[in-house]
PDB file of N, CA and C in Angstrom:
ATOM      1  N   MET A   1      -4.206  71.526 -43.577  1.00  0.00           N
ATOM      2  CA  MET A   1      -5.087  70.383 -43.507  1.00  0.00           C
ATOM      3  C   MET A   1      -4.401  69.193 -44.171  1.00  0.00           C
ATOM      4  N   THR A   2      -4.470  68.026 -43.532  1.00  0.00           N
ATOM      5  CA  THR A   2      -3.896  66.802 -44.060  1.00  0.00           C
ATOM      6  C   THR A   2      -5.012  65.895 -44.549  1.00  0.00           C
ATOM      7  N   LEU A   3      -4.874  65.411 -45.773  1.00  0.00           N
ATOM      8  CA  LEU A   3      -5.853  64.482 -46.325  1.00  0.00           C
ATOM      9  C   LEU A   3      -5.368  63.059 -46.106  1.00  0.00           C
ATOM     10  N   GLU A   4      -6.282  62.182 -45.774  1.00  0.00           N
ATOM     11  CA  GLU A   4      -5.951  60.785 -45.533  1.00  0.00           C
ATOM     12  C   GLU A   4      -6.906  59.912 -46.328  1.00  0.00           C
ATOM     13  N   LEU A   5      -6.374  58.936 -46.987  1.00  0.00           N
ATOM     14  CA  LEU A   5      -7.196  57.989 -47.721  1.00  0.00           C
ATOM     15  C   LEU A   5      -7.789  57.007 -46.731  1.00  0.00           C
ATOM     16  N   LYS A   6      -9.098  56.902 -46.727  1.00  0.00           N
ATOM     17  CA  LYS A   6      -9.784  56.042 -45.768  1.00  0.00           C
ATOM     18  C   LYS A   6     -10.692  55.088 -46.521  1.00  0.00           C
ATOM     19  N   ALA A   7     -10.746  53.863 -46.074  1.00  0.00           N
ATOM     20  CA  ALA A   7     -11.594  52.851 -46.705  1.00  0.00           C
ATOM     21  C   ALA A   7     -12.938  52.778 -45.977  1.00  0.00           C
ATOM     22  N   ILE A   8     -14.016  52.946 -46.726  1.00  0.00           N
ATOM     23  CA  ILE A   8     -15.369  52.772 -46.198  1.00  0.00           C
ATOM     24  C   ILE A   8     -15.865  51.454 -46.784  1.00  0.00           C
ATOM     25  N   HIS A   9     -15.590  50.374 -46.094  1.00  0.00           N
ATOM     26  CA  HIS A   9     -15.856  49.026 -46.591  1.00  0.00           C
ATOM     27  C   HIS A   9     -17.311  48.806 -46.969  1.00  0.00           C
ATOM     28  N   GLU A  10     -18.219  49.376 -46.201  1.00  0.00           N
ATOM     29  CA  GLU A  10     -19.649  49.175 -46.448  1.00  0.00           C
ATOM     30  C   GLU A  10     -20.097  49.745 -47.794  1.00  0.00           C
ATOM     31  N   ASN A  11     -19.364  50.734 -48.322  1.00  0.00           N
ATOM     32  CA  ASN A  11     -19.733  51.361 -49.594  1.00  0.00           C
ATOM     33  C   ASN A  11     -19.129  50.667 -50.807  1.00  0.00           C
ATOM     34  N   CYS A  12     -18.211  49.747 -50.591  1.00  0.00           N
ATOM     35  CA  CYS A  12     -17.502  49.107 -51.701  1.00  0.00           C
ATOM     36  C   CYS A  12     -18.391  48.107 -52.428  1.00  0.00           C
ATOM     37  N   SER A  13     -18.432  48.252 -53.766  1.00  0.00           N
ATOM     38  CA  SER A  13     -19.208  47.318 -54.594  1.00  0.00           C
ATOM     39  C   SER A  13     -18.307  46.269 -55.240  1.00  0.00           C
ATOM     40  N   GLY A  14     -16.997  46.414 -55.057  1.00  0.00           N
ATOM     41  CA  GLY A  14     -16.058  45.467 -55.646  1.00  0.00           C
ATOM     42  C   GLY A  14     -15.782  45.711 -57.113  1.00  0.00           C
ATOM     43  N   CYS A  15     -16.158  46.870 -57.639  1.00  0.00           N
ATOM     44  CA  CYS A  15     -16.031  47.156 -59.078  1.00  0.00           C
ATOM     45  C   CYS A  15     -14.585  47.254 -59.548  1.00  0.00           C
ATOM     46  N   GLY A  16     -13.660  47.685 -58.689  1.00  0.00           N
ATOM     47  CA  GLY A  16     -12.246  47.767 -59.038  1.00  0.00           C
ATOM     48  C   GLY A  16     -11.811  49.043 -59.728  1.00  0.00           C
ATOM     49  N   VAL A  17     -12.694  50.024 -59.863  1.00  0.00           N
ATOM     50  CA  VAL A  17     -12.317  51.285 -60.511  1.00  0.00           C
ATOM     51  C   VAL A  17     -11.184  51.958 -59.751  1.00  0.00           C
ATOM     52  N   CYS A  18     -11.189  51.876 -58.434  1.00  0.00           N
ATOM     53  CA  CYS A  18     -10.131  52.488 -57.630  1.00  0.00           C
ATOM     54  C   CYS A  18      -8.766  51.898 -57.975  1.00  0.00           C
ATOM     55  N   ARG A  19      -8.719  50.597 -58.234  1.00  0.00           N
ATOM     56  CA  ARG A  19      -7.457  49.936 -58.590  1.00  0.00           C
ATOM     57  C   ARG A  19      -6.961  50.427 -59.950  1.00  0.00           C
ATOM     58  N   LEU A  20      -7.878  50.622 -60.873  1.00  0.00           N
ATOM     59  CA  LEU A  20      -7.524  51.124 -62.197  1.00  0.00           C
ATOM     60  C   LEU A  20      -6.969  52.541 -62.102  1.00  0.00           C
ATOM     61  N   VAL A  21      -7.656  53.391 -61.359  1.00  0.00           N
ATOM     62  CA  VAL A  21      -7.212  54.777 -61.194  1.00  0.00           C
ATOM     63  C   VAL A  21      -5.843  54.831 -60.517  1.00  0.00           C
ATOM     64  N   CYS A  22      -5.634  54.002 -59.504  1.00  0.00           N
ATOM     65  CA  CYS A  22      -4.348  53.977 -58.803  1.00  0.00           C
ATOM     66  C   CYS A  22      -3.215  53.604 -59.753  1.00  0.00           C
ATOM     67  N   SER A  23      -3.419  52.583 -60.570  1.00  0.00           N
ATOM     68  CA  SER A  23      -2.355  52.169 -61.498  1.00  0.00           C
ATOM     69  C   SER A  23      -2.092  53.243 -62.548  1.00  0.00           C
ATOM     70  N   LEU A  24      -3.139  53.910 -63.004  1.00  0.00           N
ATOM     71  CA  LEU A  24      -2.960  54.988 -63.984  1.00  0.00           C
ATOM     72  C   LEU A  24      -2.231  56.180 -63.375  1.00  0.00           C
ATOM     73  N   GLU A  25      -2.657  56.576 -62.200  1.00  0.00           N
ATOM     74  CA  GLU A  25      -2.088  57.756 -61.556  1.00  0.00           C
ATOM     75  C   GLU A  25      -0.639  57.550 -61.120  1.00  0.00           C
ATOM     76  N   ASN A  26      -0.357  56.394 -60.535  1.00  0.00           N
ATOM     77  CA  ASN A  26       0.972  56.172 -59.970  1.00  0.00           C
ATOM     78  C   ASN A  26       1.976  55.537 -60.919  1.00  0.00           C
ATOM     79  N   TYR A  27       1.502  54.771 -61.886  1.00  0.00           N
ATOM     80  CA  TYR A  27       2.425  54.044 -62.761  1.00  0.00           C
ATOM     81  C   TYR A  27       2.192  54.292 -64.242  1.00  0.00           C
ATOM     82  N   ARG A  28       1.192  55.121 -64.560  1.00  0.00           N
ATOM     83  CA  ARG A  28       0.869  55.459 -65.950  1.00  0.00           C
ATOM     84  C   ARG A  28       0.608  54.209 -66.795  1.00  0.00           C
ATOM     85  N   GLU A  29      -0.003  53.196 -66.166  1.00  0.00           N
ATOM     86  CA  GLU A  29      -0.344  51.957 -66.861  1.00  0.00           C
ATOM     87  C   GLU A  29      -1.776  51.564 -66.542  1.00  0.00           C
ATOM     88  N   VAL A  30      -2.462  50.993 -67.524  1.00  0.00           N
ATOM     89  CA  VAL A  30      -3.798  50.447 -67.302  1.00  0.00           C
ATOM     90  C   VAL A  30      -3.604  49.017 -66.819  1.00  0.00           C
ATOM     91  N   ASN A  31      -3.343  48.887 -65.536  1.00  0.00           N
ATOM     92  CA  ASN A  31      -3.050  47.581 -64.957  1.00  0.00           C
ATOM     93  C   ASN A  31      -3.446  47.581 -63.479  1.00  0.00           C
ATOM     94  N   PRO A  32      -4.713  47.241 -63.186  1.00  0.00           N
ATOM     95  CA  PRO A  32      -5.173  47.255 -61.798  1.00  0.00           C
ATOM     96  C   PRO A  32      -4.338  46.383 -60.854  1.00  0.00           C
ATOM     97  N   ALA A  33      -3.631  45.399 -61.380  1.00  0.00           N
ATOM     98  CA  ALA A  33      -2.787  44.559 -60.523  1.00  0.00           C
ATOM     99  C   ALA A  33      -1.633  45.354 -59.916  1.00  0.00           C
ATOM    100  N   MET A  34      -1.344  46.526 -60.468  1.00  0.00           N
ATOM    101  CA  MET A  34      -0.261  47.354 -59.958  1.00  0.00           C
ATOM    102  C   MET A  34      -0.731  48.343 -58.892  1.00  0.00           C
ATOM    103  N   ALA A  35      -2.001  48.328 -58.565  1.00  0.00           N
ATOM    104  CA  ALA A  35      -2.541  49.272 -57.585  1.00  0.00           C
ATOM    105  C   ALA A  35      -2.003  48.990 -56.192  1.00  0.00           C
ATOM    106  N   ALA A  36      -1.827  50.041 -55.432  1.00  0.00           N
ATOM    107  CA  ALA A  36      -1.363  49.916 -54.055  1.00  0.00           C
ATOM    108  C   ALA A  36      -2.549  49.701 -53.119  1.00  0.00           C
ATOM    109  N   LEU A  37      -3.522  48.963 -53.602  1.00  0.00           N
ATOM    110  CA  LEU A  37      -4.658  48.566 -52.784  1.00  0.00           C
ATOM    111  C   LEU A  37      -5.241  47.285 -53.349  1.00  0.00           C
ATOM    112  N   LYS A  38      -5.894  46.541 -52.505  1.00  0.00           N
ATOM    113  CA  LYS A  38      -6.508  45.273 -52.894  1.00  0.00           C
ATOM    114  C   LYS A  38      -7.945  45.266 -52.398  1.00  0.00           C
ATOM    115  N   ILE A  39      -8.811  44.582 -53.123  1.00  0.00           N
ATOM    116  CA  ILE A  39     -10.202  44.416 -52.719  1.00  0.00           C
ATOM    117  C   ILE A  39     -10.431  42.936 -52.469  1.00  0.00           C
ATOM    118  N   GLU A  40     -10.850  42.622 -51.263  1.00  0.00           N
ATOM    119  CA  GLU A  40     -11.071  41.227 -50.875  1.00  0.00           C
ATOM    120  C   GLU A  40     -12.561  40.971 -50.733  1.00  0.00           C
ATOM    121  N   GLY A  41     -13.065  40.051 -51.539  1.00  0.00           N
ATOM    122  CA  GLY A  41     -14.457  39.645 -51.404  1.00  0.00           C
ATOM    123  C   GLY A  41     -14.583  38.717 -50.212  1.00  0.00           C
ATOM    124  N   ARG A  42     -15.462  39.067 -49.293  1.00  0.00           N
ATOM    125  CA  ARG A  42     -15.636  38.243 -48.089  1.00  0.00           C
ATOM    126  C   ARG A  42     -16.823  37.303 -48.307  1.00  0.00           C
ATOM    127  N   PHE A  43     -16.564  36.301 -49.095  1.00  0.00           N
ATOM    128  CA  PHE A  43     -17.604  35.342 -49.443  1.00  0.00           C
ATOM    129  C   PHE A  43     -17.794  34.342 -48.320  1.00  0.00           C
ATOM    130  N   PRO A  44     -18.942  33.767 -48.145  1.00  0.00           N
ATOM    131  CA  PRO A  44     -20.036  33.666 -49.117  1.00  0.00           C
ATOM    132  C   PRO A  44     -21.019  34.825 -49.078  1.00  0.00           C
ATOM    133  N   ALA A  45     -20.804  35.830 -48.247  1.00  0.00           N
ATOM    134  CA  ALA A  45     -21.732  36.957 -48.192  1.00  0.00           C
ATOM    135  C   ALA A  45     -21.638  37.784 -49.468  1.00  0.00           C
ATOM    136  N   PRO A  46     -22.698  37.847 -50.280  1.00  0.00           N
ATOM    137  CA  PRO A  46     -22.647  38.616 -51.523  1.00  0.00           C
ATOM    138  C   PRO A  46     -22.552  40.121 -51.248  1.00  0.00           C
ATOM    139  N   GLY A  47     -21.700  40.794 -52.015  1.00  0.00           N
ATOM    140  CA  GLY A  47     -21.569  42.241 -51.890  1.00  0.00           C
ATOM    141  C   GLY A  47     -20.825  42.711 -50.659  1.00  0.00           C
ATOM    142  N   ASP A  48     -20.099  41.838 -49.993  1.00  0.00           N
ATOM    143  CA  ASP A  48     -19.348  42.193 -48.793  1.00  0.00           C
ATOM    144  C   ASP A  48     -17.865  42.218 -49.137  1.00  0.00           C
ATOM    145  N   TYR A  49     -17.261  43.410 -49.133  1.00  0.00           N
ATOM    146  CA  TYR A  49     -15.870  43.564 -49.547  1.00  0.00           C
ATOM    147  C   TYR A  49     -15.050  44.258 -48.469  1.00  0.00           C
ATOM    148  N   LEU A  50     -13.793  43.898 -48.403  1.00  0.00           N
ATOM    149  CA  LEU A  50     -12.842  44.510 -47.490  1.00  0.00           C
ATOM    150  C   LEU A  50     -11.748  45.145 -48.342  1.00  0.00           C
ATOM    151  N   ILE A  51     -11.471  46.412 -48.090  1.00  0.00           N
ATOM    152  CA  ILE A  51     -10.471  47.156 -48.863  1.00  0.00           C
ATOM    153  C   ILE A  51      -9.169  47.201 -48.071  1.00  0.00           C
ATOM    154  N   HIS A  52      -8.092  46.758 -48.699  1.00  0.00           N
ATOM    155  CA  HIS A  52      -6.758  46.827 -48.098  1.00  0.00           C
ATOM    156  C   HIS A  52      -5.999  47.910 -48.864  1.00  0.00           C
ATOM    157  N   LEU A  53      -5.470  48.891 -48.148  1.00  0.00           N
ATOM    158  CA  LEU A  53      -4.715  49.940 -48.833  1.00  0.00           C
ATOM    159  C   LEU A  53      -3.488  50.324 -48.036  1.00  0.00           C
ATOM    160  N   CYS A  54      -2.571  50.957 -48.730  1.00  0.00           N
ATOM    161  CA  CYS A  54      -1.335  51.409 -48.088  1.00  0.00           C
ATOM    162  C   CYS A  54      -1.682  52.525 -47.114  1.00  0.00           C
ATOM    163  N   ASN A  55      -1.303  52.344 -45.866  1.00  0.00           N
ATOM    164  CA  ASN A  55      -1.590  53.369 -44.863  1.00  0.00           C
ATOM    165  C   ASN A  55      -0.354  54.211 -44.533  1.00  0.00           C
ATOM    166  N   GLN A  56       0.684  54.075 -45.360  1.00  0.00           N
ATOM    167  CA  GLN A  56       1.904  54.858 -45.198  1.00  0.00           C
ATOM    168  C   GLN A  56       2.540  54.641 -43.824  1.00  0.00           C
ATOM    169  N   CYS A  57       2.520  53.387 -43.349  1.00  0.00           N
ATOM    170  CA  CYS A  57       3.083  53.069 -42.032  1.00  0.00           C
ATOM    171  C   CYS A  57       4.610  53.170 -42.013  1.00  0.00           C
ATOM    172  N   GLY A  58       5.239  53.000 -43.175  1.00  0.00           N
ATOM    173  CA  GLY A  58       6.693  53.122 -43.254  1.00  0.00           C
ATOM    174  C   GLY A  58       7.465  51.850 -42.977  1.00  0.00           C
ATOM    175  N   GLN A  59       6.764  50.730 -42.723  1.00  0.00           N
ATOM    176  CA  GLN A  59       7.486  49.492 -42.442  1.00  0.00           C
ATOM    177  C   GLN A  59       8.300  49.030 -43.648  1.00  0.00           C
ATOM    178  N   CYS A  60       7.825  49.326 -44.856  1.00  0.00           N
ATOM    179  CA  CYS A  60       8.589  48.980 -46.062  1.00  0.00           C
ATOM    180  C   CYS A  60       9.898  49.762 -46.093  1.00  0.00           C
ATOM    181  N   ALA A  61       9.819  51.046 -45.753  1.00  0.00           N
ATOM    182  CA  ALA A  61      11.013  51.899 -45.741  1.00  0.00           C
ATOM    183  C   ALA A  61      12.008  51.442 -44.684  1.00  0.00           C
ATOM    184  N   GLU A  62      11.500  51.056 -43.527  1.00  0.00           N
ATOM    185  CA  GLU A  62      12.377  50.569 -42.454  1.00  0.00           C
ATOM    186  C   GLU A  62      13.073  49.279 -42.853  1.00  0.00           C
ATOM    187  N   ALA A  63      12.380  48.438 -43.616  1.00  0.00           N
ATOM    188  CA  ALA A  63      12.941  47.145 -44.008  1.00  0.00           C
ATOM    189  C   ALA A  63      13.917  47.248 -45.177  1.00  0.00           C
ATOM    190  N   CYS A  64      13.826  48.299 -45.956  1.00  0.00           N
ATOM    191  CA  CYS A  64      14.655  48.430 -47.161  1.00  0.00           C
ATOM    192  C   CYS A  64      16.138  48.563 -46.804  1.00  0.00           C
ATOM    193  N   PRO A  65      16.966  47.620 -47.265  1.00  0.00           N
ATOM    194  CA  PRO A  65      18.393  47.655 -46.914  1.00  0.00           C
ATOM    195  C   PRO A  65      19.194  48.740 -47.625  1.00  0.00           C
ATOM    196  N   VAL A  66      18.633  49.350 -48.672  1.00  0.00           N
ATOM    197  CA  VAL A  66      19.378  50.379 -49.407  1.00  0.00           C
ATOM    198  C   VAL A  66      18.700  51.748 -49.332  1.00  0.00           C
ATOM    199  N   ASP A  67      17.739  51.898 -48.426  1.00  0.00           N
ATOM    200  CA  ASP A  67      17.023  53.174 -48.237  1.00  0.00           C
ATOM    201  C   ASP A  67      16.425  53.708 -49.546  1.00  0.00           C
ATOM    202  N   ALA A  68      15.788  52.818 -50.302  1.00  0.00           N
ATOM    203  CA  ALA A  68      15.196  53.200 -51.587  1.00  0.00           C
ATOM    204  C   ALA A  68      13.745  53.649 -51.461  1.00  0.00           C
ATOM    205  N   ILE A  69      13.243  53.770 -50.222  1.00  0.00           N
ATOM    206  CA  ILE A  69      11.858  54.216 -50.023  1.00  0.00           C
ATOM    207  C   ILE A  69      11.879  55.398 -49.059  1.00  0.00           C
ATOM    208  N   PRO A  70      12.309  56.551 -49.555  1.00  0.00           N
ATOM    209  CA  PRO A  70      12.390  57.718 -48.674  1.00  0.00           C
ATOM    210  C   PRO A  70      11.027  58.363 -48.435  1.00  0.00           C
ATOM    211  N   LEU A  71      10.941  59.108 -47.361  1.00  0.00           N
ATOM    212  CA  LEU A  71       9.745  59.880 -47.033  1.00  0.00           C
ATOM    213  C   LEU A  71       9.914  61.262 -47.647  1.00  0.00           C
ATOM    214  N   LYS A  72       9.047  61.601 -48.594  1.00  0.00           N
ATOM    215  CA  LYS A  72       9.115  62.909 -49.259  1.00  0.00           C
ATOM    216  C   LYS A  72       7.753  63.575 -49.151  1.00  0.00           C
ATOM    217  N   ASN A  73       7.745  64.744 -48.557  1.00  0.00           N
ATOM    218  CA  ASN A  73       6.503  65.494 -48.375  1.00  0.00           C
ATOM    219  C   ASN A  73       5.437  64.664 -47.669  1.00  0.00           C
ATOM    220  N   GLY A  74       5.857  63.871 -46.691  1.00  0.00           N
ATOM    221  CA  GLY A  74       4.931  63.079 -45.907  1.00  0.00           C
ATOM    222  C   GLY A  74       4.450  61.797 -46.558  1.00  0.00           C
ATOM    223  N   VAL A  75       5.057  61.402 -47.690  1.00  0.00           N
ATOM    224  CA  VAL A  75       4.631  60.207 -48.419  1.00  0.00           C
ATOM    225  C   VAL A  75       5.851  59.337 -48.717  1.00  0.00           C
ATOM    226  N   TYR A  76       5.708  58.042 -48.469  1.00  0.00           N
ATOM    227  CA  TYR A  76       6.767  57.101 -48.832  1.00  0.00           C
ATOM    228  C   TYR A  76       6.622  56.740 -50.305  1.00  0.00           C
ATOM    229  N   LEU A  77       7.697  56.957 -51.057  1.00  0.00           N
ATOM    230  CA  LEU A  77       7.716  56.623 -52.480  1.00  0.00           C
ATOM    231  C   LEU A  77       8.976  55.840 -52.802  1.00  0.00           C
ATOM    232  N   ILE A  78       8.865  54.892 -53.728  1.00  0.00           N
ATOM    233  CA  ILE A  78      10.010  54.075 -54.116  1.00  0.00           C
ATOM    234  C   ILE A  78      10.890  54.853 -55.088  1.00  0.00           C
ATOM    235  N   ASP A  79      12.170  54.898 -54.809  1.00  0.00           N
ATOM    236  CA  ASP A  79      13.146  55.481 -55.716  1.00  0.00           C
ATOM    237  C   ASP A  79      13.634  54.347 -56.619  1.00  0.00           C
ATOM    238  N   ALA A  80      13.124  54.312 -57.844  1.00  0.00           N
ATOM    239  CA  ALA A  80      13.414  53.211 -58.762  1.00  0.00           C
ATOM    240  C   ALA A  80      14.900  53.092 -59.081  1.00  0.00           C
ATOM    241  N   ILE A  81      15.627  54.178 -59.012  1.00  0.00           N
ATOM    242  CA  ILE A  81      17.066  54.143 -59.302  1.00  0.00           C
ATOM    243  C   ILE A  81      17.823  53.442 -58.173  1.00  0.00           C
ATOM    244  N   GLU A  82      17.429  53.704 -56.936  1.00  0.00           N
ATOM    245  CA  GLU A  82      18.099  53.110 -55.781  1.00  0.00           C
ATOM    246  C   GLU A  82      17.649  51.674 -55.499  1.00  0.00           C
ATOM    247  N   CYS A  83      16.430  51.328 -55.908  1.00  0.00           N
ATOM    248  CA  CYS A  83      15.867  50.006 -55.616  1.00  0.00           C
ATOM    249  C   CYS A  83      16.684  48.901 -56.293  1.00  0.00           C
ATOM    250  N   THR A  84      17.011  47.860 -55.505  1.00  0.00           N
ATOM    251  CA  THR A  84      17.781  46.735 -56.032  1.00  0.00           C
ATOM    252  C   THR A  84      16.889  45.555 -56.405  1.00  0.00           C
ATOM    253  N   GLY A  85      15.593  45.653 -56.095  1.00  0.00           N
ATOM    254  CA  GLY A  85      14.669  44.569 -56.421  1.00  0.00           C
ATOM    255  C   GLY A  85      14.746  43.386 -55.474  1.00  0.00           C
ATOM    256  N   CYS A  86      15.199  43.610 -54.248  1.00  0.00           N
ATOM    257  CA  CYS A  86      15.361  42.503 -53.300  1.00  0.00           C
ATOM    258  C   CYS A  86      14.027  41.989 -52.750  1.00  0.00           C
ATOM    259  N   MET A  87      12.974  42.772 -52.833  1.00  0.00           N
ATOM    260  CA  MET A  87      11.609  42.440 -52.420  1.00  0.00           C
ATOM    261  C   MET A  87      11.424  42.290 -50.911  1.00  0.00           C
ATOM    262  N   ILE A  88      12.366  42.760 -50.124  1.00  0.00           N
ATOM    263  CA  ILE A  88      12.208  42.730 -48.677  1.00  0.00           C
ATOM    264  C   ILE A  88      11.031  43.610 -48.261  1.00  0.00           C
ATOM    265  N   CYS A  89      10.807  44.694 -48.986  1.00  0.00           N
ATOM    266  CA  CYS A  89       9.695  45.598 -48.694  1.00  0.00           C
ATOM    267  C   CYS A  89       8.348  44.907 -48.897  1.00  0.00           C
ATOM    268  N   VAL A  90       8.250  44.038 -49.895  1.00  0.00           N
ATOM    269  CA  VAL A  90       7.013  43.306 -50.169  1.00  0.00           C
ATOM    270  C   VAL A  90       6.667  42.430 -48.970  1.00  0.00           C
ATOM    271  N   GLN A  91       7.666  41.768 -48.430  1.00  0.00           N
ATOM    272  CA  GLN A  91       7.455  40.897 -47.269  1.00  0.00           C
ATOM    273  C   GLN A  91       7.134  41.702 -46.015  1.00  0.00           C
ATOM    274  N   ALA A  92       7.632  42.929 -45.923  1.00  0.00           N
ATOM    275  CA  ALA A  92       7.450  43.753 -44.726  1.00  0.00           C
ATOM    276  C   ALA A  92       6.088  44.441 -44.665  1.00  0.00           C
ATOM    277  N   CYS A  93       5.395  44.517 -45.769  1.00  0.00           N
ATOM    278  CA  CYS A  93       4.121  45.256 -45.821  1.00  0.00           C
ATOM    279  C   CYS A  93       3.035  44.541 -45.017  1.00  0.00           C
ATOM    280  N   PRO A  94       2.574  45.152 -43.915  1.00  0.00           N
ATOM    281  CA  PRO A  94       1.548  44.499 -43.100  1.00  0.00           C
ATOM    282  C   PRO A  94       0.171  44.486 -43.755  1.00  0.00           C
ATOM    283  N   SER A  95      -0.049  45.355 -44.731  1.00  0.00           N
ATOM    284  CA  SER A  95      -1.346  45.412 -45.411  1.00  0.00           C
ATOM    285  C   SER A  95      -1.423  44.473 -46.603  1.00  0.00           C
ATOM    286  N   GLY A  96      -0.283  43.943 -47.023  1.00  0.00           N
ATOM    287  CA  GLY A  96      -0.258  43.041 -48.166  1.00  0.00           C
ATOM    288  C   GLY A  96      -0.540  43.718 -49.488  1.00  0.00           C
ATOM    289  N   VAL A  97      -0.288  45.018 -49.577  1.00  0.00           N
ATOM    290  CA  VAL A  97      -0.566  45.732 -50.819  1.00  0.00           C
ATOM    291  C   VAL A  97       0.693  46.061 -51.614  1.00  0.00           C
ATOM    292  N   PHE A  98       1.853  45.829 -51.017  1.00  0.00           N
ATOM    293  CA  PHE A  98       3.106  46.053 -51.729  1.00  0.00           C
ATOM    294  C   PHE A  98       3.319  44.889 -52.674  1.00  0.00           C
ATOM    295  N   PHE A  99       3.869  45.134 -53.835  1.00  0.00           N
ATOM    296  CA  PHE A  99       4.039  44.092 -54.830  1.00  0.00           C
ATOM    297  C   PHE A  99       5.307  44.349 -55.622  1.00  0.00           C
ATOM    298  N   GLU A 100       5.683  43.366 -56.401  1.00  0.00           N
ATOM    299  CA  GLU A 100       6.859  43.525 -57.242  1.00  0.00           C
ATOM    300  C   GLU A 100       6.438  43.850 -58.665  1.00  0.00           C
ATOM    301  N   HIS A 101       7.203  44.673 -59.337  1.00  0.00           N
ATOM    302  CA  HIS A 101       6.957  45.013 -60.727  1.00  0.00           C
ATOM    303  C   HIS A 101       7.852  44.113 -61.570  1.00  0.00           C
ATOM    304  N   VAL A 102       7.255  43.161 -62.255  1.00  0.00           N
ATOM    305  CA  VAL A 102       8.023  42.190 -63.040  1.00  0.00           C
ATOM    306  C   VAL A 102       7.459  42.142 -64.450  1.00  0.00           C
ATOM    307  N   GLU A 103       8.320  42.147 -65.415  1.00  0.00           N
ATOM    308  CA  GLU A 103       7.876  41.935 -66.792  1.00  0.00           C
ATOM    309  C   GLU A 103       7.454  40.492 -66.923  1.00  0.00           C
ATOM    310  N   ALA A 104       6.281  40.258 -67.456  1.00  0.00           N
ATOM    311  CA  ALA A 104       5.745  38.900 -67.554  1.00  0.00           C
ATOM    312  C   ALA A 104       6.046  38.295 -68.910  1.00  0.00           C
ATOM    313  N   CYS A 105       6.420  37.042 -68.914  1.00  0.00           N
ATOM    314  CA  CYS A 105       6.660  36.295 -70.143  1.00  0.00           C
ATOM    315  C   CYS A 105       5.386  35.508 -70.449  1.00  0.00           C
ATOM    316  N   PRO A 106       4.765  35.698 -71.617  1.00  0.00           N
ATOM    317  CA  PRO A 106       3.494  35.030 -71.905  1.00  0.00           C
ATOM    318  C   PRO A 106       3.598  33.515 -71.976  1.00  0.00           C
ATOM    319  N   SER A 107       4.772  32.987 -72.240  1.00  0.00           N
ATOM    320  CA  SER A 107       4.915  31.531 -72.305  1.00  0.00           C
ATOM    321  C   SER A 107       5.494  30.954 -71.012  1.00  0.00           C
ATOM    322  N   GLU A 108       5.624  31.794 -70.000  1.00  0.00           N
ATOM    323  CA  GLU A 108       6.164  31.415 -68.695  1.00  0.00           C
ATOM    324  C   GLU A 108       7.575  30.843 -68.784  1.00  0.00           C
ATOM    325  N   ALA A 109       8.323  31.306 -69.763  1.00  0.00           N
ATOM    326  CA  ALA A 109       9.714  30.876 -69.888  1.00  0.00           C
ATOM    327  C   ALA A 109      10.587  31.580 -68.856  1.00  0.00           C
ATOM    328  N   LEU A 110      10.117  32.729 -68.377  1.00  0.00           N
ATOM    329  CA  LEU A 110      10.831  33.457 -67.337  1.00  0.00           C
ATOM    330  C   LEU A 110       9.932  33.495 -66.113  1.00  0.00           C
ATOM    331  N   GLN A 111      10.434  33.063 -64.978  1.00  0.00           N
ATOM    332  CA  GLN A 111       9.645  33.019 -63.756  1.00  0.00           C
ATOM    333  C   GLN A 111      10.515  33.418 -62.579  1.00  0.00           C
ATOM    334  N   LEU A 112       9.881  33.955 -61.567  1.00  0.00           N
ATOM    335  CA  LEU A 112      10.576  34.226 -60.309  1.00  0.00           C
ATOM    336  C   LEU A 112      10.433  32.994 -59.440  1.00  0.00           C
ATOM    337  N   VAL A 113      11.540  32.446 -59.019  1.00  0.00           N
ATOM    338  CA  VAL A 113      11.515  31.236 -58.193  1.00  0.00           C
ATOM    339  C   VAL A 113      12.457  31.410 -57.023  1.00  0.00           C
ATOM    340  N   ASN A 114      12.203  30.693 -55.947  1.00  0.00           N
ATOM    341  CA  ASN A 114      13.100  30.707 -54.803  1.00  0.00           C
ATOM    342  C   ASN A 114      14.358  29.930 -55.158  1.00  0.00           C
ATOM    343  N   SER A 115      15.512  30.451 -54.774  1.00  0.00           N
ATOM    344  CA  SER A 115      16.769  29.786 -55.089  1.00  0.00           C
ATOM    345  C   SER A 115      17.211  28.870 -53.950  1.00  0.00           C
ATOM    346  N   GLU A 116      16.326  28.527 -53.062  1.00  0.00           N
ATOM    347  CA  GLU A 116      16.662  27.692 -51.906  1.00  0.00           C
ATOM    348  C   GLU A 116      16.965  26.281 -52.289  1.00  0.00           C
TER     349      GLU A 116
END
């Protein structure tokens, strides 16, 4: 039997507990911003939320120039050792749930900027 994570949008209250659990389970951090899912409030309708989650489509893996997102046991996972931090996978994610892991500077002395 294969289990699949499915979003039931009508049941979502927007509480964000799922994001907290995802960050704890996958990254061992209490940081909902690191969750591989996003909750979008569809305002102005109160209580109407849309859940965006990783559907394991593999487009991030296909886009990765160094093959740092291998398929293991039916799941795409980032190999942190192989990852170069190019962020091509973030741009390739059709669900918009892929993100970059960056250490934040509280005084904004360090920022990610385009070098164009």
